[in-house]
PDB file of N, CA and C in Angstrom:
ATOM      1  N   UNK A   1      -4.719   6.943  -2.984  1.00  0.00           N
ATOM      2  CA  UNK A   1      -3.512   6.962  -4.038  1.00  0.00           C
ATOM      3  C   UNK A   1      -2.252   6.311  -3.450  1.00  0.00           C
ATOM      4  N   UNK A   2      -1.852   6.870  -2.336  1.00  0.00           N
ATOM      5  CA  UNK A   2      -0.624   6.302  -1.775  1.00  0.00           C
ATOM      6  C   UNK A   2      -0.699   4.868  -1.537  1.00  0.00           C
ATOM      7  N   UNK A   3      -1.915   4.464  -0.823  1.00  0.00           N
ATOM      8  CA  UNK A   3      -2.134   2.877  -0.410  1.00  0.00           C
ATOM      9  C   UNK A   3      -2.089   2.321  -1.744  1.00  0.00           C
ATOM     10  N   UNK A   4      -2.770   2.655  -2.823  1.00  0.00           N
ATOM     11  CA  UNK A   4      -2.675   1.824  -4.249  1.00  0.00           C
ATOM     12  C   UNK A   4      -1.367   1.659  -4.584  1.00  0.00           C
ATOM     13  N   UNK A   5      -0.389   2.854  -4.561  1.00  0.00           N
ATOM     14  CA  UNK A   5       0.771   2.656  -4.925  1.00  0.00           C
ATOM     15  C   UNK A   5       1.614   1.671  -4.216  1.00  0.00           C
ATOM     16  N   UNK A   6       1.491   1.902  -2.993  1.00  0.00           N
ATOM     17  CA  UNK A   6       2.080   0.624  -2.176  1.00  0.00           C
ATOM     18  C   UNK A   6       1.746  -0.672  -2.342  1.00  0.00           C
ATOM     19  N   UNK A   7       0.554  -0.919  -2.668  1.00  0.00           N
ATOM     20  CA  UNK A   7      -0.012  -2.276  -3.076  1.00  0.00           C
ATOM     21  C   UNK A   7       0.491  -2.657  -4.255  1.00  0.00           C
ATOM     22  N   UNK A   8       0.747  -1.672  -5.326  1.00  0.00           N
ATOM     23  CA  UNK A   8       1.105  -2.142  -6.630  1.00  0.00           C
ATOM     24  C   UNK A   8       2.515  -2.444  -6.546  1.00  0.00           C
ATOM     25  N   UNK A   9       3.251  -1.567  -5.911  1.00  0.00           N
ATOM     26  CA  UNK A   9       4.788  -1.631  -5.729  1.00  0.00           C
ATOM     27  C   UNK A   9       5.122  -3.276  -4.915  1.00  0.00           C
ATOM     28  N   UNK A  10       4.530  -3.582  -3.847  1.00  0.00           N
ATOM     29  CA  UNK A  10       4.396  -4.649  -3.183  1.00  0.00           C
ATOM     30  C   UNK A  10       4.308  -5.748  -4.043  1.00  0.00           C
ATOM     31  N   UNK A  11       3.181  -5.949  -4.761  1.00  0.00           N
ATOM     32  CA  UNK A  11       2.803  -6.991  -5.553  1.00  0.00           C
ATOM     33  C   UNK A  11       3.916  -7.024  -6.796  1.00  0.00           C
ATOM     34  N   UNK A  12       4.184  -6.041  -7.399  1.00  0.00           N
ATOM     35  CA  UNK A  12       5.331  -6.026  -8.490  1.00  0.00           C
ATOM     36  C   UNK A  12       6.601  -6.598  -7.987  1.00  0.00           C
ATOM     37  N   UNK A  13       7.153  -6.127  -6.844  1.00  0.00           N
ATOM     38  CA  UNK A  13       8.361  -6.565  -6.346  1.00  0.00           C
ATOM     39  C   UNK A  13       8.515  -8.136  -5.921  1.00  0.00           C
ATOM     40  N   UNK A  14       7.110  -8.539  -5.183  1.00  0.00           N
ATOM     41  CA  UNK A  14       7.097  -9.869  -5.008  1.00  0.00           C
ATOM     42  C   UNK A  14       7.056 -10.958  -6.057  1.00  0.00           C
ATOM     43  N   UNK A  15       6.626 -10.228  -7.214  1.00  0.00           N
ATOM     44  CA  UNK A  15       6.649 -11.181  -8.408  1.00  0.00           C
ATOM     45  C   UNK A  15       7.766 -11.108  -9.311  1.00  0.00           C
ATOM     46  N   UNK A  16       8.731 -10.256  -8.723  1.00  0.00           N
ATOM     47  CA  UNK A  16       9.806  -9.979  -9.541  1.00  0.00           C
ATOM     48  C   UNK A  16      10.945 -11.048  -9.343  1.00  0.00           C
ATOM     49  N   UNK A  17      11.290 -11.849 -10.277  1.00  0.00           N
ATOM     50  CA  UNK A  17      12.251 -12.990 -10.142  1.00  0.00           C
ATOM     51  C   UNK A  17      13.653 -12.109 -10.001  1.00  0.00           C
ATOM     52  N   UNK A  18      14.535 -12.859  -9.334  1.00  0.00           N
ATOM     53  CA  UNK A  18      15.821 -12.410  -9.254  1.00  0.00           C
ATOM     54  C   UNK A  18      16.509 -12.128 -10.587  1.00  0.00           C
ATOM     55  N   UNK A  19      16.275 -13.044 -11.484  1.00  0.00           N
ATOM     56  CA  UNK A  19      17.061 -12.872 -12.774  1.00  0.00           C
ATOM     57  C   UNK A  19      16.336 -11.558 -13.541  1.00  0.00           C
ATOM     58  N   UNK A  20      15.129 -11.205 -13.229  1.00  0.00           N
ATOM     59  CA  UNK A  20      14.534 -10.043 -13.834  1.00  0.00           C
ATOM     60  C   UNK A  20      15.216  -8.613 -13.506  1.00  0.00           C
ATOM     61  N   UNK A  21      15.677  -8.692 -12.288  1.00  0.00           N
ATOM     62  CA  UNK A  21      16.328  -7.352 -11.767  1.00  0.00           C
ATOM     63  C   UNK A  21      17.370  -6.895 -12.665  1.00  0.00           C
ATOM     64  N   UNK A  22      18.101  -7.568 -13.365  1.00  0.00           N
ATOM     65  CA  UNK A  22      19.091  -7.270 -14.221  1.00  0.00           C
ATOM     66  C   UNK A  22      18.655  -7.011 -15.897  1.00  0.00           C
ATOM     67  N   UNK A  23      17.448  -7.140 -15.902  1.00  0.00           N
ATOM     68  CA  UNK A  23      17.044  -7.288 -17.536  1.00  0.00           C
ATOM     69  C   UNK A  23      17.078  -5.636 -17.763  1.00  0.00           C
ATOM     70  N   UNK A  24      17.541  -5.447 -19.035  1.00  0.00           N
ATOM     71  CA  UNK A  24      17.647  -4.029 -19.320  1.00  0.00           C
ATOM     72  C   UNK A  24      16.504  -3.608 -20.111  1.00  0.00           C
ATOM     73  N   UNK A  25      15.860  -2.441 -19.917  1.00  0.00           N
ATOM     74  CA  UNK A  25      14.659  -1.917 -20.478  1.00  0.00           C
ATOM     75  C   UNK A  25      15.235  -0.713 -21.219  1.00  0.00           C
ATOM     76  N   UNK A  26      14.457  -0.676 -22.377  1.00  0.00           N
ATOM     77  CA  UNK A  26      14.846   0.521 -23.390  1.00  0.00           C
ATOM     78  C   UNK A  26      13.614   1.352 -23.368  1.00  0.00           C
ATOM     79  N   UNK A  27      13.882   2.747 -23.076  1.00  0.00           N
ATOM     80  CA  UNK A  27      12.810   3.518 -22.916  1.00  0.00           C
ATOM     81  C   UNK A  27      13.328   5.035 -23.414  1.00  0.00           C
ATOM     82  N   UNK A  28      12.426   5.994 -23.397  1.00  0.00           N
ATOM     83  CA  UNK A  28      12.682   7.302 -23.654  1.00  0.00           C
ATOM     84  C   UNK A  28      12.398   8.298 -22.575  1.00  0.00           C
ATOM     85  N   UNK A  29      12.970   9.481 -22.388  1.00  0.00           N
ATOM     86  CA  UNK A  29      12.417  10.362 -21.005  1.00  0.00           C
ATOM     87  C   UNK A  29      11.392  11.303 -21.877  1.00  0.00           C
ATOM     88  N   UNK A  30      10.975  12.094 -20.857  1.00  0.00           N
ATOM     89  CA  UNK A  30       9.904  13.042 -21.731  1.00  0.00           C
ATOM     90  C   UNK A  30      10.223  13.884 -22.567  1.00  0.00           C
ATOM     91  N   UNK A  31      11.665  14.036 -22.905  1.00  0.00           N
ATOM     92  CA  UNK A  31      12.159  14.792 -23.897  1.00  0.00           C
ATOM     93  C   UNK A  31      12.526  13.947 -25.317  1.00  0.00           C
ATOM     94  N   UNK A  32      12.097  12.731 -25.001  1.00  0.00           N
ATOM     95  CA  UNK A  32      12.453  11.658 -26.263  1.00  0.00           C
ATOM     96  C   UNK A  32      13.724  11.194 -26.359  1.00  0.00           C
ATOM     97  N   UNK A  33      14.661  11.489 -25.334  1.00  0.00           N
ATOM     98  CA  UNK A  33      16.029  10.901 -25.453  1.00  0.00           C
ATOM     99  C   UNK A  33      16.076   9.366 -24.940  1.00  0.00           C
ATOM    100  N   UNK A  34      16.675   8.666 -25.623  1.00  0.00           N
ATOM    101  CA  UNK A  34      16.520   7.085 -25.582  1.00  0.00           C
ATOM    102  C   UNK A  34      17.733   6.863 -24.446  1.00  0.00           C
ATOM    103  N   UNK A  35      17.069   5.794 -23.518  1.00  0.00           N
ATOM    104  CA  UNK A  35      17.986   5.384 -22.357  1.00  0.00           C
ATOM    105  C   UNK A  35      17.746   3.849 -22.353  1.00  0.00           C
ATOM    106  N   UNK A  36      18.889   3.041 -21.723  1.00  0.00           N
ATOM    107  CA  UNK A  36      18.820   1.608 -21.415  1.00  0.00           C
ATOM    108  C   UNK A  36      19.304   1.528 -20.144  1.00  0.00           C
ATOM    109  N   UNK A  37      18.511   0.928 -19.267  1.00  0.00           N
ATOM    110  CA  UNK A  37      18.740   0.652 -17.914  1.00  0.00           C
ATOM    111  C   UNK A  37      18.268  -0.459 -17.450  1.00  0.00           C
ATOM    112  N   UNK A  38      18.911  -1.090 -16.390  1.00  0.00           N
ATOM    113  CA  UNK A  38      18.369  -2.396 -15.807  1.00  0.00           C
ATOM    114  C   UNK A  38      17.258  -2.143 -14.935  1.00  0.00           C
ATOM    115  N   UNK A  39      16.292  -3.087 -14.804  1.00  0.00           N
ATOM    116  CA  UNK A  39      15.303  -2.872 -13.639  1.00  0.00           C
ATOM    117  C   UNK A  39      15.679  -2.500 -12.270  1.00  0.00           C
ATOM    118  N   UNK A  40      17.032  -2.988 -11.897  1.00  0.00           N
ATOM    119  CA  UNK A  40      17.627  -2.888 -10.693  1.00  0.00           C
ATOM    120  C   UNK A  40      17.984  -1.264 -10.368  1.00  0.00           C
ATOM    121  N   UNK A  41      18.511  -0.905 -11.536  1.00  0.00           N
ATOM    122  CA  UNK A  41      18.854   0.433 -11.430  1.00  0.00           C
ATOM    123  C   UNK A  41      17.731   1.551 -11.532  1.00  0.00           C
ATOM    124  N   UNK A  42      16.574   1.029 -12.319  1.00  0.00           N
ATOM    125  CA  UNK A  42      15.361   2.243 -12.093  1.00  0.00           C
ATOM    126  C   UNK A  42      14.807   2.049 -10.855  1.00  0.00           C
ATOM    127  N   UNK A  43      14.724   0.834 -10.381  1.00  0.00           N
ATOM    128  CA  UNK A  43      13.982   0.687  -8.895  1.00  0.00           C
ATOM    129  C   UNK A  43      14.744   1.400  -7.779  1.00  0.00           C
ATOM    130  N   UNK A  44      16.321   1.412  -8.070  1.00  0.00           N
ATOM    131  CA  UNK A  44      16.965   1.940  -6.994  1.00  0.00           C
ATOM    132  C   UNK A  44      16.719   3.630  -7.218  1.00  0.00           C
ATOM    133  N   UNK A  45      16.622   4.091  -8.422  1.00  0.00           N
ATOM    134  CA  UNK A  45      16.360   5.541  -8.953  1.00  0.00           C
ATOM    135  C   UNK A  45      15.166   5.718  -8.080  1.00  0.00           C
ATOM    136  N   UNK A  46      14.252   4.935  -8.227  1.00  0.00           N
ATOM    137  CA  UNK A  46      12.857   5.409  -7.719  1.00  0.00           C
ATOM    138  C   UNK A  46      12.916   5.583  -6.149  1.00  0.00           C
ATOM    139  N   UNK A  47      13.561   4.638  -5.457  1.00  0.00           N
ATOM    140  CA  UNK A  47      13.794   4.679  -4.172  1.00  0.00           C
ATOM    141  C   UNK A  47      14.431   6.098  -3.784  1.00  0.00           C
ATOM    142  N   UNK A  48      15.560   6.387  -4.559  1.00  0.00           N
ATOM    143  CA  UNK A  48      16.474   7.374  -4.073  1.00  0.00           C
ATOM    144  C   UNK A  48      15.971   8.696  -4.587  1.00  0.00           C
ATOM    145  N   UNK A  49      15.118   8.824  -5.442  1.00  0.00           N
ATOM    146  CA  UNK A  49      14.658  10.281  -5.985  1.00  0.00           C
ATOM    147  C   UNK A  49      13.819  10.973  -5.276  1.00  0.00           C
ATOM    148  N   UNK A  50      12.945  10.326  -4.538  1.00  0.00           N
ATOM    149  CA  UNK A  50      12.158  10.913  -3.480  1.00  0.00           C
ATOM    150  C   UNK A  50      12.908  11.545  -2.334  1.00  0.00           C
ATOM    151  N   UNK A  51      13.776  11.109  -1.907  1.00  0.00           N
ATOM    152  CA  UNK A  51      14.809  11.850  -0.903  1.00  0.00           C
ATOM    153  C   UNK A  51      15.453  13.046  -1.520  1.00  0.00           C
ATOM    154  N   UNK A  52      15.936  13.082  -2.770  1.00  0.00           N
ATOM    155  CA  UNK A  52      16.236  14.320  -3.490  1.00  0.00           C
ATOM    156  C   UNK A  52      15.326  15.472  -3.290  1.00  0.00           C
ATOM    157  N   UNK A  53      14.047  15.169  -3.443  1.00  0.00           N
ATOM    158  CA  UNK A  53      12.888  16.211  -3.442  1.00  0.00           C
ATOM    159  C   UNK A  53      12.726  16.704  -1.937  1.00  0.00           C
ATOM    160  N   UNK A  54      12.668  15.702  -1.099  1.00  0.00           N
ATOM    161  CA  UNK A  54      12.605  15.890   0.335  1.00  0.00           C
ATOM    162  C   UNK A  54      13.680  16.874   0.720  1.00  0.00           C
ATOM    163  N   UNK A  55      14.864  16.945   0.220  1.00  0.00           N
ATOM    164  CA  UNK A  55      15.951  17.427   0.507  1.00  0.00           C
ATOM    165  C   UNK A  55      15.688  19.135  -0.115  1.00  0.00           C
ATOM    166  N   UNK A  56      15.168  19.117  -1.242  1.00  0.00           N
ATOM    167  CA  UNK A  56      14.599  20.285  -1.853  1.00  0.00           C
ATOM    168  C   UNK A  56      13.793  21.168  -0.887  1.00  0.00           C
ATOM    169  N   UNK A  57      12.921  20.509  -0.336  1.00  0.00           N
ATOM    170  CA  UNK A  57      11.634  20.998   0.284  1.00  0.00           C
ATOM    171  C   UNK A  57      12.345  21.497   1.612  1.00  0.00           C
ATOM    172  N   UNK A  58      13.073  20.723   2.414  1.00  0.00           N
ATOM    173  CA  UNK A  58      13.563  21.196   3.534  1.00  0.00           C
ATOM    174  C   UNK A  58      14.645  22.294   3.302  1.00  0.00           C
ATOM    175  N   UNK A  59      15.374  22.593   2.230  1.00  0.00           N
ATOM    176  CA  UNK A  59      15.956  23.810   1.918  1.00  0.00           C
ATOM    177  C   UNK A  59      15.096  24.899   1.766  1.00  0.00           C
ATOM    178  N   UNK A  60      14.007  24.639   1.044  1.00  0.00           N
ATOM    179  CA  UNK A  60      13.189  25.813   0.924  1.00  0.00           C
ATOM    180  C   UNK A  60      12.516  26.198   2.461  1.00  0.00           C
ATOM    181  N   UNK A  61      12.156  25.321   3.152  1.00  0.00           N
ATOM    182  CA  UNK A  61      11.714  25.579   4.521  1.00  0.00           C
ATOM    183  C   UNK A  61      12.838  26.426   5.283  1.00  0.00           C
ATOM    184  N   UNK A  62      14.045  25.818   5.267  1.00  0.00           N
ATOM    185  CA  UNK A  62      15.108  26.488   6.045  1.00  0.00           C
ATOM    186  C   UNK A  62      15.149  27.922   5.469  1.00  0.00           C
ATOM    187  N   UNK A  63      15.179  28.171   4.264  1.00  0.00           N
ATOM    188  CA  UNK A  63      15.347  29.655   3.758  1.00  0.00           C
ATOM    189  C   UNK A  63      14.104  30.372   4.161  1.00  0.00           C
ATOM    190  N   UNK A  64      13.106  29.863   4.436  1.00  0.00           N
ATOM    191  CA  UNK A  64      12.057  30.818   5.057  1.00  0.00           C
ATOM    192  C   UNK A  64      12.025  30.719   6.621  1.00  0.00           C
ATOM    193  N   UNK A  65      12.994  30.249   7.058  1.00  0.00           N
ATOM    194  CA  UNK A  65      13.049  30.237   8.696  1.00  0.00           C
ATOM    195  C   UNK A  65      12.274  29.102   9.457  1.00  0.00           C
ATOM    196  N   UNK A  66      11.730  28.234   8.586  1.00  0.00           N
ATOM    197  CA  UNK A  66      10.952  27.051   9.230  1.00  0.00           C
ATOM    198  C   UNK A  66      12.047  25.770   9.499  1.00  0.00           C
ATOM    199  N   UNK A  67      11.927  25.241  10.607  1.00  0.00           N
ATOM    200  CA  UNK A  67      12.863  24.080  10.937  1.00  0.00           C
ATOM    201  C   UNK A  67      11.986  23.014  10.224  1.00  0.00           C
ATOM    202  N   UNK A  68      12.874  22.211   9.178  1.00  0.00           N
ATOM    203  CA  UNK A  68      12.183  21.240   8.516  1.00  0.00           C
ATOM    204  C   UNK A  68      12.197  19.766   9.404  1.00  0.00           C
ATOM    205  N   UNK A  69      11.465  18.725   8.900  1.00  0.00           N
ATOM    206  CA  UNK A  69      11.401  17.576   9.778  1.00  0.00           C
ATOM    207  C   UNK A  69      12.649  16.653   9.125  1.00  0.00           C
ATOM    208  N   UNK A  70      13.030  15.869   9.913  1.00  0.00           N
ATOM    209  CA  UNK A  70      14.173  15.018   9.742  1.00  0.00           C
ATOM    210  C   UNK A  70      13.793  13.909   8.671  1.00  0.00           C
ATOM    211  N   UNK A  71      14.562  14.008   7.496  1.00  0.00           N
ATOM    212  CA  UNK A  71      14.163  12.944   6.470  1.00  0.00           C
ATOM    213  C   UNK A  71      15.081  11.682   6.434  1.00  0.00           C
ATOM    214  N   UNK A  72      15.869  11.690   7.371  1.00  0.00           N
ATOM    215  CA  UNK A  72      16.781  10.612   7.294  1.00  0.00           C
ATOM    216  C   UNK A  72      16.103   9.189   7.512  1.00  0.00           C
ATOM    217  N   UNK A  73      16.419   8.247   6.590  1.00  0.00           N
ATOM    218  CA  UNK A  73      15.677   6.825   6.515  1.00  0.00           C
ATOM    219  C   UNK A  73      15.875   6.262   7.888  1.00  0.00           C
ATOM    220  N   UNK A  74      17.100   6.174   8.361  1.00  0.00           N
ATOM    221  CA  UNK A  74      17.160   5.560   9.768  1.00  0.00           C
ATOM    222  C   UNK A  74      16.245   6.123  11.018  1.00  0.00           C
ATOM    223  N   UNK A  75      15.901   7.398  10.900  1.00  0.00           N
ATOM    224  CA  UNK A  75      15.096   7.689  11.922  1.00  0.00           C
ATOM    225  C   UNK A  75      13.640   7.164  11.621  1.00  0.00           C
ATOM    226  N   UNK A  76      13.136   7.014  10.269  1.00  0.00           N
ATOM    227  CA  UNK A  76      11.922   6.523   9.834  1.00  0.00           C
ATOM    228  C   UNK A  76      11.992   4.895  10.127  1.00  0.00           C
ATOM    229  N   UNK A  77      12.988   4.376  10.081  1.00  0.00           N
ATOM    230  CA  UNK A  77      13.250   2.697  10.384  1.00  0.00           C
ATOM    231  C   UNK A  77      13.202   2.704  11.766  1.00  0.00           C
ATOM    232  N   UNK A  78      13.684   3.552  12.706  1.00  0.00           N
ATOM    233  CA  UNK A  78      13.363   3.281  14.114  1.00  0.00           C
ATOM    234  C   UNK A  78      12.201   3.674  14.693  1.00  0.00           C
ATOM    235  N   UNK A  79      11.580   4.613  14.026  1.00  0.00           N
ATOM    236  CA  UNK A  79       9.978   4.853  14.465  1.00  0.00           C
ATOM    237  C   UNK A  79       9.150   3.701  14.076  1.00  0.00           C
ATOM    238  N   UNK A  80       9.583   2.933  13.047  1.00  0.00           N
ATOM    239  CA  UNK A  80       8.560   1.811  12.445  1.00  0.00           C
ATOM    240  C   UNK A  80       8.976   0.751  13.424  1.00  0.00           C
ATOM    241  N   UNK A  81      10.227   0.535  13.952  1.00  0.00           N
ATOM    242  CA  UNK A  81      10.667  -0.491  14.855  1.00  0.00           C
ATOM    243  C   UNK A  81      10.340  -0.325  16.224  1.00  0.00           C
ATOM    244  N   UNK A  82       9.794   0.808  16.504  1.00  0.00           N
ATOM    245  CA  UNK A  82       9.349   1.221  17.872  1.00  0.00           C
ATOM    246  C   UNK A  82      10.664   1.427  18.873  1.00  0.00           C
ATOM    247  N   UNK A  83      11.731   1.953  18.060  1.00  0.00           N
ATOM    248  CA  UNK A  83      12.834   2.017  19.115  1.00  0.00           C
ATOM    249  C   UNK A  83      13.101   3.341  19.133  1.00  0.00           C
TER     250      UNK A  83
END
């Protein structure tokens, strides 16, 4: 599932024309409340929202006396670059 997600996002972003990033989408949340946001804002939200949940998980681990993993992006980037 994760691999498919990665492939789909990669294909979507590769085909996204620069002008499309500012296109406004009209949608409703799960409660039916309408919103208007640009593709750029939605993609930024997707990128950042996972970090919010990783922070929640780490807070719960700390509360249980467990040392959480480091979730800083720069640490991840360094591990990918081999630095």
